[in-house]
Amino acid sequence: MKVTIGELVEAMDHIQVVSGDNFLDREIIVSDLSRPGLELAGYFRFYPEERLQLFGQTEISFINEMPKKDRLDVLDPLCTPMTPGFLVSRNLEIPSELYDVAQKHNIPIIRSNRSTTRLASSVTSFLEERLSERQSQHGVLVDVYGMGVLIIGASGIGKSEIALELIERGHRLVADDRVDLYMVDESRIIGEAPEILRHLIEIRGVGIINVVNLFGVGSIRESKVVDFIIELEQYDPTVVYDRLGHTIESMKFFNVELPKLSIPVKVGRNVSIIVEMAAMNLRAKQMGYDATIDFEKKLAHLIEKNKKDD
C-alpha cells in the first residue's frame, strides 16, 4: 500500500503545497512521521529516510540559529531518493536553504496552519487508514445500538433482508454484500463499503435500492468498528444448538480474534430481532452483566432449596 504526497494534500484541506508541484507523485510507504532533530545536529546513523519529515517550531528555529554556511551541509543529507517530502507546521516561514535542497532533489514542501502535535496526529491517522492492509469479506455490516455487527452466511440466506429490516427499525447500514476490512491498531478492525456499493442494498426480486434516498442520511454510516460477527446458517433439526449461551466462538481477521455467534435460520424466526438482542446482550456482558451466570445462580439456588425441602 502507498499514498502519494498529492493524495495527502487533496485529502487534508489544511495542507497546501509550498514548492515542488511537479513532485507530488512521490510516495509515502509508512504511516510514521519523523521529526529530524538529531539529524539537524548532524547524526544520521538511524535516519528514517522513508518517512515524511515533519518540521515544527523547534526544528525551524534550530535551522535559523545555525550559521548560514552550515545549513546546506546539514539539510542536504535529509534528501534521499526515498524521502517523500517535507511537512512544515504552524505556517512557519521556511528557511531558504530548505527550499534549495528540496528543489535540488525534487522533494516537495507542504505546509499546514495546525500546531505540530495536532498536525502529526491528523496526518498519522490518515496514513494509518490508507496504508493499512485490507481484506474483503462477503457479508453485511450494520450499526446496531452502537455495536458493529458483521453478518455473514451463505449467499441467499437473507443477510440483506435482515439489514433492511434493521434499518427500518432505526439502525444504520455500513456495507452490504461486500465489506472492506482494515486494522487501525492491535485490537480494532474497521469495516466500510467499497466505493461502488456505498449506501446501496441488493434485495432479490426488487433490485438495487439506495438507502439514503429511501430512509435518509441517518440510516447509514461510512465506517464502523466491527465488534462481533453473526453467522447465519440453515436450521438443522439434527444439530444440538447452544441454548444457554455458553458457547462463544471466534473468527480471526488479521491478528484480531472477534467473538462470533452462529444463529440457525428457519421459516418463522425473526432474525432481525435476534440480531438486536445479540447486540444488546453483548453490550450487557461488556458492562459486567451475564444473564447466563444469573440463570445458573438461580438454578443452583433452586436445587439447593429443593434438597432442603426433601
C-alpha atoms as a PDB file:
ATOM      1  CA  MET A   1       0.000   0.000   0.000  1.00  0.00           C
ATOM      2  CA  LYS A   2       1.175   3.534  -0.707  1.00  0.00           C
ATOM      3  CA  VAL A   3      -0.022   7.136  -0.701  1.00  0.00           C
ATOM      4  CA  THR A   4       1.376   9.994  -2.746  1.00  0.00           C
ATOM      5  CA  ILE A   5       2.053  13.482  -1.434  1.00  0.00           C
ATOM      6  CA  GLY A   6      -0.601  14.748  -3.848  1.00  0.00           C
ATOM      7  CA  GLU A   7      -3.241  12.413  -2.360  1.00  0.00           C
ATOM      8  CA  LEU A   8      -2.337  13.595   1.144  1.00  0.00           C
ATOM      9  CA  VAL A   9      -2.732  17.257   0.135  1.00  0.00           C
ATOM     10  CA  GLU A  10      -6.036  16.544  -1.624  1.00  0.00           C
ATOM     11  CA  ALA A  11      -7.448  14.702   1.395  1.00  0.00           C
ATOM     12  CA  MET A  12      -6.466  17.290   4.031  1.00  0.00           C
ATOM     13  CA  ASP A  13      -7.759  20.804   3.347  1.00  0.00           C
ATOM     14  CA  HIS A  14      -5.423  22.395   5.911  1.00  0.00           C
ATOM     15  CA  ILE A  15      -2.293  21.360   3.965  1.00  0.00           C
ATOM     16  CA  GLN A  16      -1.033  23.363   0.987  1.00  0.00           C
ATOM     17  CA  VAL A  17       1.826  22.869  -1.428  1.00  0.00           C
ATOM     18  CA  VAL A  18       4.613  25.426  -0.930  1.00  0.00           C
ATOM     19  CA  SER A  19       7.050  24.139  -3.534  1.00  0.00           C
ATOM     20  CA  GLY A  20       7.526  21.104  -5.739  1.00  0.00           C
ATOM     21  CA  ASP A  21       4.196  20.936  -7.574  1.00  0.00           C
ATOM     22  CA  ASN A  22       5.842  18.666 -10.130  1.00  0.00           C
ATOM     23  CA  PHE A  23       6.963  16.163  -7.491  1.00  0.00           C
ATOM     24  CA  LEU A  24       3.637  15.392  -5.791  1.00  0.00           C
ATOM     25  CA  ASP A  25       3.761  11.820  -7.097  1.00  0.00           C
ATOM     26  CA  ARG A  26       6.436  10.935  -4.548  1.00  0.00           C
ATOM     27  CA  GLU A  27       5.188   8.015  -2.457  1.00  0.00           C
ATOM     28  CA  ILE A  28       4.693   7.646   1.298  1.00  0.00           C
ATOM     29  CA  ILE A  29       5.007   3.983   2.266  1.00  0.00           C
ATOM     30  CA  VAL A  30       4.893   4.169   6.090  1.00  0.00           C
ATOM     31  CA  SER A  31       2.465   5.944   8.425  1.00  0.00           C
ATOM     32  CA  ASP A  32       5.087   7.074  10.953  1.00  0.00           C
ATOM     33  CA  LEU A  33       6.408  10.630  10.740  1.00  0.00           C
ATOM     34  CA  SER A  34       9.942  11.794  11.511  1.00  0.00           C
ATOM     35  CA  ARG A  35      10.953  14.973  13.305  1.00  0.00           C
ATOM     36  CA  PRO A  36      14.603  15.325  12.250  1.00  0.00           C
ATOM     37  CA  GLY A  37      16.055  16.723  15.489  1.00  0.00           C
ATOM     38  CA  LEU A  38      19.186  14.584  15.798  1.00  0.00           C
ATOM     39  CA  GLU A  39      19.726  14.785  12.042  1.00  0.00           C
ATOM     40  CA  LEU A  40      19.838  18.594  12.195  1.00  0.00           C
ATOM     41  CA  ALA A  41      22.572  18.157  14.792  1.00  0.00           C
ATOM     42  CA  GLY A  42      24.493  16.018  12.306  1.00  0.00           C
ATOM     43  CA  TYR A  43      23.660  12.486  13.499  1.00  0.00           C
ATOM     44  CA  PHE A  44      22.339  10.412  10.567  1.00  0.00           C
ATOM     45  CA  ARG A  45      23.127   6.846  11.607  1.00  0.00           C
ATOM     46  CA  PHE A  46      19.473   5.881  12.132  1.00  0.00           C
ATOM     47  CA  TYR A  47      17.838   8.459   9.861  1.00  0.00           C
ATOM     48  CA  PRO A  48      14.329   7.170   8.855  1.00  0.00           C
ATOM     49  CA  GLU A  49      14.564   8.405   5.292  1.00  0.00           C
ATOM     50  CA  GLU A  50      11.362   6.672   4.151  1.00  0.00           C
ATOM     51  CA  ARG A  51       9.181   8.788   6.465  1.00  0.00           C
ATOM     52  CA  LEU A  52       7.525  12.136   5.823  1.00  0.00           C
ATOM     53  CA  GLN A  53       9.802  14.665   7.537  1.00  0.00           C
ATOM     54  CA  LEU A  54       7.916  16.999   9.900  1.00  0.00           C
ATOM     55  CA  PHE A  55       9.353  20.402  10.827  1.00  0.00           C
ATOM     56  CA  GLY A  56       7.828  22.182  13.794  1.00  0.00           C
ATOM     57  CA  GLN A  57       8.792  25.370  15.583  1.00  0.00           C
ATOM     58  CA  THR A  58      11.725  23.640  17.311  1.00  0.00           C
ATOM     59  CA  GLU A  59      13.264  22.350  14.075  1.00  0.00           C
ATOM     60  CA  ILE A  60      12.746  25.580  12.123  1.00  0.00           C
ATOM     61  CA  SER A  61      14.166  27.776  14.907  1.00  0.00           C
ATOM     62  CA  PHE A  62      17.153  25.430  15.226  1.00  0.00           C
ATOM     63  CA  ILE A  63      17.854  25.813  11.487  1.00  0.00           C
ATOM     64  CA  ASN A  64      17.526  29.607  11.697  1.00  0.00           C
ATOM     65  CA  GLU A  65      20.035  29.758  14.553  1.00  0.00           C
ATOM     66  CA  MET A  66      22.636  27.725  12.663  1.00  0.00           C
ATOM     67  CA  PRO A  67      25.436  29.539  10.824  1.00  0.00           C
ATOM     68  CA  LYS A  68      24.344  30.023   7.211  1.00  0.00           C
ATOM     69  CA  LYS A  69      27.459  28.242   5.924  1.00  0.00           C
ATOM     70  CA  ASP A  70      26.484  25.062   7.795  1.00  0.00           C
ATOM     71  CA  ARG A  71      22.808  24.885   6.859  1.00  0.00           C
ATOM     72  CA  LEU A  72      23.196  23.255   3.454  1.00  0.00           C
ATOM     73  CA  ASP A  73      25.634  20.691   4.862  1.00  0.00           C
ATOM     74  CA  VAL A  74      23.015  19.557   7.397  1.00  0.00           C
ATOM     75  CA  LEU A  75      19.880  19.837   5.237  1.00  0.00           C
ATOM     76  CA  ASP A  76      21.226  18.187   2.089  1.00  0.00           C
ATOM     77  CA  PRO A  77      21.609  14.690   3.670  1.00  0.00           C
ATOM     78  CA  LEU A  78      17.921  14.827   4.642  1.00  0.00           C
ATOM     79  CA  CYS A  79      17.119  14.488   0.943  1.00  0.00           C
ATOM     80  CA  THR A  80      17.355  10.910  -0.295  1.00  0.00           C
ATOM     81  CA  PRO A  81      15.589   9.059  -3.125  1.00  0.00           C
ATOM     82  CA  MET A  82      13.233   7.565  -0.509  1.00  0.00           C
ATOM     83  CA  THR A  83      12.314  10.802   1.283  1.00  0.00           C
ATOM     84  CA  PRO A  84       8.686  11.520   0.327  1.00  0.00           C
ATOM     85  CA  GLY A  85       8.538  15.178   1.344  1.00  0.00           C
ATOM     86  CA  PHE A  86       8.939  17.908   3.957  1.00  0.00           C
ATOM     87  CA  LEU A  87       5.934  18.937   6.057  1.00  0.00           C
ATOM     88  CA  VAL A  88       6.004  22.237   7.980  1.00  0.00           C
ATOM     89  CA  SER A  89       3.533  23.127  10.751  1.00  0.00           C
ATOM     90  CA  ARG A  90       2.097  26.438  12.068  1.00  0.00           C
ATOM     91  CA  ASN A  91       2.527  28.154   8.675  1.00  0.00           C
ATOM     92  CA  LEU A  92       6.119  28.796   9.721  1.00  0.00           C
ATOM     93  CA  GLU A  93       8.411  30.667   7.395  1.00  0.00           C
ATOM     94  CA  ILE A  94      10.584  28.171   5.585  1.00  0.00           C
ATOM     95  CA  PRO A  95      14.371  28.748   5.510  1.00  0.00           C
ATOM     96  CA  SER A  96      15.683  29.444   2.009  1.00  0.00           C
ATOM     97  CA  GLU A  97      18.221  26.631   2.350  1.00  0.00           C
ATOM     98  CA  LEU A  98      15.426  24.112   2.835  1.00  0.00           C
ATOM     99  CA  TYR A  99      13.856  25.361  -0.399  1.00  0.00           C
ATOM    100  CA  ASP A 100      17.181  24.965  -2.160  1.00  0.00           C
ATOM    101  CA  VAL A 101      17.866  21.372  -1.142  1.00  0.00           C
ATOM    102  CA  ALA A 102      14.246  20.362  -1.779  1.00  0.00           C
ATOM    103  CA  GLN A 103      14.356  21.776  -5.303  1.00  0.00           C
ATOM    104  CA  LYS A 104      17.746  20.177  -5.938  1.00  0.00           C
ATOM    105  CA  HIS A 105      16.468  16.696  -5.025  1.00  0.00           C
ATOM    106  CA  ASN A 106      12.905  17.026  -6.406  1.00  0.00           C
ATOM    107  CA  ILE A 107      11.285  16.826  -2.967  1.00  0.00           C
ATOM    108  CA  PRO A 108       8.026  18.723  -2.352  1.00  0.00           C
ATOM    109  CA  ILE A 109       7.480  21.020   0.629  1.00  0.00           C
ATOM    110  CA  ILE A 110       3.970  21.192   2.080  1.00  0.00           C
ATOM    111  CA  ARG A 111       2.712  23.314   4.960  1.00  0.00           C
ATOM    112  CA  SER A 112      -0.200  23.475   7.402  1.00  0.00           C
ATOM    113  CA  ASN A 113      -1.531  26.102   9.799  1.00  0.00           C
ATOM    114  CA  ARG A 114      -2.073  23.489  12.524  1.00  0.00           C
ATOM    115  CA  SER A 115       0.140  23.040  15.562  1.00  0.00           C
ATOM    116  CA  THR A 116       2.812  20.381  15.255  1.00  0.00           C
ATOM    117  CA  THR A 117       1.118  17.918  17.614  1.00  0.00           C
ATOM    118  CA  ARG A 118      -2.320  18.219  16.003  1.00  0.00           C
ATOM    119  CA  LEU A 119      -0.823  18.065  12.522  1.00  0.00           C
ATOM    120  CA  ALA A 120       1.168  14.940  13.347  1.00  0.00           C
ATOM    121  CA  SER A 121      -1.929  13.278  14.801  1.00  0.00           C
ATOM    122  CA  SER A 122      -4.197  14.001  11.824  1.00  0.00           C
ATOM    123  CA  VAL A 123      -1.615  13.029   9.200  1.00  0.00           C
ATOM    124  CA  THR A 124      -0.665   9.833  11.044  1.00  0.00           C
ATOM    125  CA  SER A 125      -4.330   8.809  11.369  1.00  0.00           C
ATOM    126  CA  PHE A 126      -4.898   9.398   7.655  1.00  0.00           C
ATOM    127  CA  LEU A 127      -1.803   7.444   6.660  1.00  0.00           C
ATOM    128  CA  GLU A 128      -2.586   4.549   9.019  1.00  0.00           C
ATOM    129  CA  GLU A 129      -6.010   4.178   7.435  1.00  0.00           C
ATOM    130  CA  ARG A 130      -4.769   4.425   3.851  1.00  0.00           C
ATOM    131  CA  LEU A 131      -1.702   2.245   4.315  1.00  0.00           C
ATOM    132  CA  SER A 132      -3.367  -0.481   6.381  1.00  0.00           C
ATOM    133  CA  GLU A 133      -3.598  -3.972   4.962  1.00  0.00           C
ATOM    134  CA  ARG A 134      -7.109  -4.576   3.658  1.00  0.00           C
ATOM    135  CA  GLN A 135      -9.298  -7.643   3.356  1.00  0.00           C
ATOM    136  CA  SER A 136     -12.709  -8.123   1.765  1.00  0.00           C
ATOM    137  CA  GLN A 137     -15.424 -10.180   3.431  1.00  0.00           C
ATOM    138  CA  HIS A 138     -18.709 -11.279   1.887  1.00  0.00           C
ATOM    139  CA  GLY A 139     -21.439 -10.134   4.243  1.00  0.00           C
ATOM    140  CA  VAL A 140     -23.337  -7.176   5.669  1.00  0.00           C
ATOM    141  CA  LEU A 141     -22.098  -4.687   8.278  1.00  0.00           C
ATOM    142  CA  VAL A 142     -24.662  -2.781  10.341  1.00  0.00           C
ATOM    143  CA  ASP A 143     -24.511  -0.479  13.345  1.00  0.00           C
ATOM    144  CA  VAL A 144     -26.941  -1.881  15.920  1.00  0.00           C
ATOM    145  CA  TYR A 145     -27.214   0.130  19.154  1.00  0.00           C
ATOM    146  CA  GLY A 146     -23.671   1.378  18.577  1.00  0.00           C
ATOM    147  CA  MET A 147     -22.280  -2.134  18.052  1.00  0.00           C
ATOM    148  CA  GLY A 148     -20.686  -3.022  14.722  1.00  0.00           C
ATOM    149  CA  VAL A 149     -22.336  -6.303  13.694  1.00  0.00           C
ATOM    150  CA  LEU A 150     -20.888  -8.195  10.734  1.00  0.00           C
ATOM    151  CA  ILE A 151     -23.498 -10.629   9.388  1.00  0.00           C
ATOM    152  CA  ILE A 152     -22.101 -13.466   7.292  1.00  0.00           C
ATOM    153  CA  GLY A 153     -23.535 -16.649   5.804  1.00  0.00           C
ATOM    154  CA  ALA A 154     -24.204 -18.465   2.572  1.00  0.00           C
ATOM    155  CA  SER A 155     -25.419 -16.500  -0.430  1.00  0.00           C
ATOM    156  CA  GLY A 156     -29.218 -16.165  -0.433  1.00  0.00           C
ATOM    157  CA  ILE A 157     -29.698 -16.893   3.265  1.00  0.00           C
ATOM    158  CA  GLY A 158     -31.209 -13.436   3.872  1.00  0.00           C
ATOM    159  CA  LYS A 159     -28.406 -11.145   5.060  1.00  0.00           C
ATOM    160  CA  SER A 160     -29.540  -8.129   3.024  1.00  0.00           C
ATOM    161  CA  GLU A 161     -33.182  -8.591   4.011  1.00  0.00           C
ATOM    162  CA  ILE A 162     -32.170  -8.657   7.683  1.00  0.00           C
ATOM    163  CA  ALA A 163     -30.126  -5.482   7.185  1.00  0.00           C
ATOM    164  CA  LEU A 164     -33.100  -3.788   5.527  1.00  0.00           C
ATOM    165  CA  GLU A 165     -35.392  -4.672   8.425  1.00  0.00           C
ATOM    166  CA  LEU A 166     -32.789  -3.408  10.903  1.00  0.00           C
ATOM    167  CA  ILE A 167     -32.630  -0.109   9.009  1.00  0.00           C
ATOM    168  CA  GLU A 168     -36.429   0.153   9.209  1.00  0.00           C
ATOM    169  CA  ARG A 169     -36.101  -0.351  12.973  1.00  0.00           C
ATOM    170  CA  GLY A 170     -33.752   2.648  13.221  1.00  0.00           C
ATOM    171  CA  HIS A 171     -30.318   1.055  12.901  1.00  0.00           C
ATOM    172  CA  ARG A 172     -27.691   2.048  10.344  1.00  0.00           C
ATOM    173  CA  LEU A 173     -26.159   0.374   7.316  1.00  0.00           C
ATOM    174  CA  VAL A 174     -22.413   0.423   6.750  1.00  0.00           C
ATOM    175  CA  ALA A 175     -21.967  -2.052   3.890  1.00  0.00           C
ATOM    176  CA  ASP A 176     -23.988  -4.649   2.007  1.00  0.00           C
ATOM    177  CA  ASP A 177     -22.721  -7.655   0.034  1.00  0.00           C
ATOM    178  CA  ARG A 178     -19.013  -6.856   0.431  1.00  0.00           C
ATOM    179  CA  VAL A 179     -17.284  -5.331   3.433  1.00  0.00           C
ATOM    180  CA  ASP A 180     -13.765  -3.938   3.206  1.00  0.00           C
ATOM    181  CA  LEU A 181     -11.909  -4.506   6.483  1.00  0.00           C
ATOM    182  CA  TYR A 182      -8.694  -2.965   7.754  1.00  0.00           C
ATOM    183  CA  MET A 183      -6.896  -2.854  11.092  1.00  0.00           C
ATOM    184  CA  VAL A 184      -6.239   0.533  12.700  1.00  0.00           C
ATOM    185  CA  ASP A 185      -4.425  -0.721  15.790  1.00  0.00           C
ATOM    186  CA  GLU A 186      -3.673  -4.006  17.524  1.00  0.00           C
ATOM    187  CA  SER A 187      -7.256  -4.649  18.603  1.00  0.00           C
ATOM    188  CA  ARG A 188      -9.670  -2.777  16.304  1.00  0.00           C
ATOM    189  CA  ILE A 189     -10.974  -3.793  12.891  1.00  0.00           C
ATOM    190  CA  ILE A 190     -12.764  -1.137  10.827  1.00  0.00           C
ATOM    191  CA  GLY A 191     -15.305  -2.050   8.153  1.00  0.00           C
ATOM    192  CA  GLU A 192     -16.563   0.079   5.288  1.00  0.00           C
ATOM    193  CA  ALA A 193     -18.283  -0.317   1.930  1.00  0.00           C
ATOM    194  CA  PRO A 194     -16.415  -0.286  -1.396  1.00  0.00           C
ATOM    195  CA  GLU A 195     -17.000   2.975  -3.249  1.00  0.00           C
ATOM    196  CA  ILE A 196     -19.221   1.362  -5.889  1.00  0.00           C
ATOM    197  CA  LEU A 197     -21.525  -0.240  -3.265  1.00  0.00           C
ATOM    198  CA  ARG A 198     -21.711   2.631  -0.782  1.00  0.00           C
ATOM    199  CA  HIS A 199     -25.252   3.275   0.577  1.00  0.00           C
ATOM    200  CA  LEU A 200     -26.713   0.505  -1.615  1.00  0.00           C
ATOM    201  CA  ILE A 201     -28.528  -2.746  -0.795  1.00  0.00           C
ATOM    202  CA  GLU A 202     -29.465  -5.501  -3.230  1.00  0.00           C
ATOM    203  CA  ILE A 203     -32.766  -7.249  -2.499  1.00  0.00           C
ATOM    204  CA  ARG A 204     -33.515 -10.272  -4.667  1.00  0.00           C
ATOM    205  CA  GLY A 205     -36.709  -9.724  -6.648  1.00  0.00           C
ATOM    206  CA  VAL A 206     -36.585  -5.953  -6.068  1.00  0.00           C
ATOM    207  CA  GLY A 207     -33.138  -4.954  -7.244  1.00  0.00           C
ATOM    208  CA  ILE A 208     -30.743  -2.261  -6.047  1.00  0.00           C
ATOM    209  CA  ILE A 209     -32.082   0.298  -3.587  1.00  0.00           C
ATOM    210  CA  ASN A 210     -30.408   3.445  -2.302  1.00  0.00           C
ATOM    211  CA  VAL A 211     -30.753   3.503   1.481  1.00  0.00           C
ATOM    212  CA  VAL A 212     -30.081   7.248   1.789  1.00  0.00           C
ATOM    213  CA  ASN A 213     -32.803   8.128  -0.708  1.00  0.00           C
ATOM    214  CA  LEU A 214     -35.391   5.896   0.977  1.00  0.00           C
ATOM    215  CA  PHE A 215     -34.542   6.285   4.668  1.00  0.00           C
ATOM    216  CA  GLY A 216     -32.417   9.461   4.911  1.00  0.00           C
ATOM    217  CA  VAL A 217     -28.826  10.171   5.849  1.00  0.00           C
ATOM    218  CA  GLY A 218     -29.403   8.996   9.412  1.00  0.00           C
ATOM    219  CA  SER A 219     -29.728   5.429   8.145  1.00  0.00           C
ATOM    220  CA  ILE A 220     -26.108   4.987   7.064  1.00  0.00           C
ATOM    221  CA  ARG A 221     -22.574   5.134   8.416  1.00  0.00           C
ATOM    222  CA  GLU A 222     -19.438   5.427   6.305  1.00  0.00           C
ATOM    223  CA  SER A 223     -17.415   3.078   8.529  1.00  0.00           C
ATOM    224  CA  LYS A 224     -17.678   1.229  11.846  1.00  0.00           C
ATOM    225  CA  VAL A 225     -15.537  -0.772  14.227  1.00  0.00           C
ATOM    226  CA  VAL A 226     -16.514  -4.451  13.973  1.00  0.00           C
ATOM    227  CA  ASP A 227     -17.464  -5.617  17.482  1.00  0.00           C
ATOM    228  CA  PHE A 228     -18.726  -9.107  16.741  1.00  0.00           C
ATOM    229  CA  ILE A 229     -19.842 -11.454  13.985  1.00  0.00           C
ATOM    230  CA  ILE A 230     -23.135 -13.248  13.454  1.00  0.00           C
ATOM    231  CA  GLU A 231     -23.034 -16.238  11.121  1.00  0.00           C
ATOM    232  CA  LEU A 232     -26.382 -17.319   9.708  1.00  0.00           C
ATOM    233  CA  GLU A 233     -26.813 -20.998   8.936  1.00  0.00           C
ATOM    234  CA  GLN A 234     -29.745 -23.092   7.773  1.00  0.00           C
ATOM    235  CA  TYR A 235     -31.564 -24.747  10.671  1.00  0.00           C
ATOM    236  CA  ASP A 236     -30.700 -28.422  11.010  1.00  0.00           C
ATOM    237  CA  PRO A 237     -33.007 -30.417  13.332  1.00  0.00           C
ATOM    238  CA  THR A 238     -30.232 -32.981  13.911  1.00  0.00           C
ATOM    239  CA  VAL A 239     -27.894 -30.382  15.380  1.00  0.00           C
ATOM    240  CA  VAL A 240     -27.952 -29.593  19.118  1.00  0.00           C
ATOM    241  CA  TYR A 241     -27.731 -25.808  19.392  1.00  0.00           C
ATOM    242  CA  ASP A 242     -26.446 -23.945  22.454  1.00  0.00           C
ATOM    243  CA  ARG A 243     -29.442 -22.684  24.436  1.00  0.00           C
ATOM    244  CA  LEU A 244     -27.702 -21.025  27.381  1.00  0.00           C
ATOM    245  CA  GLY A 245     -25.025 -19.001  25.620  1.00  0.00           C
ATOM    246  CA  HIS A 246     -22.034 -20.922  26.943  1.00  0.00           C
ATOM    247  CA  THR A 247     -20.508 -21.482  23.507  1.00  0.00           C
ATOM    248  CA  ILE A 248     -18.519 -18.448  22.382  1.00  0.00           C
ATOM    249  CA  GLU A 249     -16.892 -18.914  19.010  1.00  0.00           C
ATOM    250  CA  SER A 250     -14.418 -16.568  17.382  1.00  0.00           C
ATOM    251  CA  MET A 251     -13.262 -15.580  13.930  1.00  0.00           C
ATOM    252  CA  LYS A 252      -9.887 -14.077  13.121  1.00  0.00           C
ATOM    253  CA  PHE A 253      -9.259 -11.127  10.837  1.00  0.00           C
ATOM    254  CA  PHE A 254      -5.617 -10.148  10.509  1.00  0.00           C
ATOM    255  CA  ASN A 255      -4.337 -10.775  14.061  1.00  0.00           C
ATOM    256  CA  VAL A 256      -7.576  -9.905  15.869  1.00  0.00           C
ATOM    257  CA  GLU A 257      -9.965 -12.518  17.277  1.00  0.00           C
ATOM    258  CA  LEU A 258     -13.582 -11.324  17.140  1.00  0.00           C
ATOM    259  CA  PRO A 259     -16.451 -13.040  19.002  1.00  0.00           C
ATOM    260  CA  LYS A 260     -18.878 -14.910  16.755  1.00  0.00           C
ATOM    261  CA  LEU A 261     -22.422 -16.213  17.236  1.00  0.00           C
ATOM    262  CA  SER A 262     -23.985 -18.856  14.996  1.00  0.00           C
ATOM    263  CA  ILE A 263     -27.722 -18.340  14.515  1.00  0.00           C
ATOM    264  CA  PRO A 264     -29.870 -21.013  12.836  1.00  0.00           C
ATOM    265  CA  VAL A 265     -32.325 -19.619  10.293  1.00  0.00           C
ATOM    266  CA  LYS A 266     -35.711 -21.182   9.552  1.00  0.00           C
ATOM    267  CA  VAL A 267     -39.159 -20.036   8.492  1.00  0.00           C
ATOM    268  CA  GLY A 268     -40.913 -18.083  11.236  1.00  0.00           C
ATOM    269  CA  ARG A 269     -37.805 -16.874  13.075  1.00  0.00           C
ATOM    270  CA  ASN A 270     -37.463 -13.087  13.220  1.00  0.00           C
ATOM    271  CA  VAL A 271     -33.704 -12.946  12.825  1.00  0.00           C
ATOM    272  CA  SER A 272     -33.592  -9.133  12.841  1.00  0.00           C
ATOM    273  CA  ILE A 273     -34.882  -9.034  16.426  1.00  0.00           C
ATOM    274  CA  ILE A 274     -32.433 -11.798  17.363  1.00  0.00           C
ATOM    275  CA  VAL A 275     -29.574  -9.660  15.966  1.00  0.00           C
ATOM    276  CA  GLU A 276     -30.800  -6.736  18.082  1.00  0.00           C
ATOM    277  CA  MET A 277     -30.948  -8.897  21.195  1.00  0.00           C
ATOM    278  CA  ALA A 278     -27.486 -10.308  20.486  1.00  0.00           C
ATOM    279  CA  ALA A 279     -26.042  -6.788  20.245  1.00  0.00           C
ATOM    280  CA  MET A 280     -27.698  -5.695  23.497  1.00  0.00           C
ATOM    281  CA  ASN A 281     -26.663  -8.908  25.260  1.00  0.00           C
ATOM    282  CA  LEU A 282     -23.025  -8.471  24.219  1.00  0.00           C
ATOM    283  CA  ARG A 283     -23.111  -4.855  25.410  1.00  0.00           C
ATOM    284  CA  ALA A 284     -24.522  -6.042  28.768  1.00  0.00           C
ATOM    285  CA  LYS A 285     -21.723  -8.617  29.093  1.00  0.00           C
ATOM    286  CA  GLN A 286     -19.128  -5.931  28.373  1.00  0.00           C
ATOM    287  CA  MET A 287     -20.683  -3.876  31.175  1.00  0.00           C
ATOM    288  CA  GLY A 288     -20.410  -6.817  33.579  1.00  0.00           C
ATOM    289  CA  TYR A 289     -23.829  -8.470  33.441  1.00  0.00           C
ATOM    290  CA  ASP A 290     -24.173 -12.010  32.063  1.00  0.00           C
ATOM    291  CA  ALA A 291     -27.711 -13.428  32.046  1.00  0.00           C
ATOM    292  CA  THR A 292     -26.323 -16.968  31.776  1.00  0.00           C
ATOM    293  CA  ILE A 293     -24.458 -16.604  35.072  1.00  0.00           C
ATOM    294  CA  ASP A 294     -27.563 -15.099  36.660  1.00  0.00           C
ATOM    295  CA  PHE A 295     -29.666 -18.048  35.470  1.00  0.00           C
ATOM    296  CA  GLU A 296     -27.124 -20.589  36.759  1.00  0.00           C
ATOM    297  CA  LYS A 297     -27.119 -18.934  40.188  1.00  0.00           C
ATOM    298  CA  LYS A 298     -30.905 -19.073  40.350  1.00  0.00           C
ATOM    299  CA  LEU A 299     -30.853 -22.698  39.210  1.00  0.00           C
ATOM    300  CA  ALA A 300     -28.270 -23.650  41.835  1.00  0.00           C
ATOM    301  CA  HIS A 301     -30.311 -21.852  44.494  1.00  0.00           C
ATOM    302  CA  LEU A 302     -33.473 -23.690  43.435  1.00  0.00           C
ATOM    303  CA  ILE A 303     -31.698 -27.072  43.505  1.00  0.00           C
ATOM    304  CA  GLU A 304     -30.325 -26.342  46.950  1.00  0.00           C
ATOM    305  CA  LYS A 305     -33.781 -25.287  48.183  1.00  0.00           C
ATOM    306  CA  ASN A 306     -35.374 -28.483  46.829  1.00  0.00           C
ATOM    307  CA  LYS A 307     -32.765 -30.572  48.582  1.00  0.00           C
ATOM    308  CA  LYS A 308     -33.623 -28.935  51.903  1.00  0.00           C
ATOM    309  CA  ASP A 309     -37.356 -29.418  51.297  1.00  0.00           C
ATOM    310  CA  ASP A 310     -36.786 -33.136  50.687  1.00  0.00           C
END
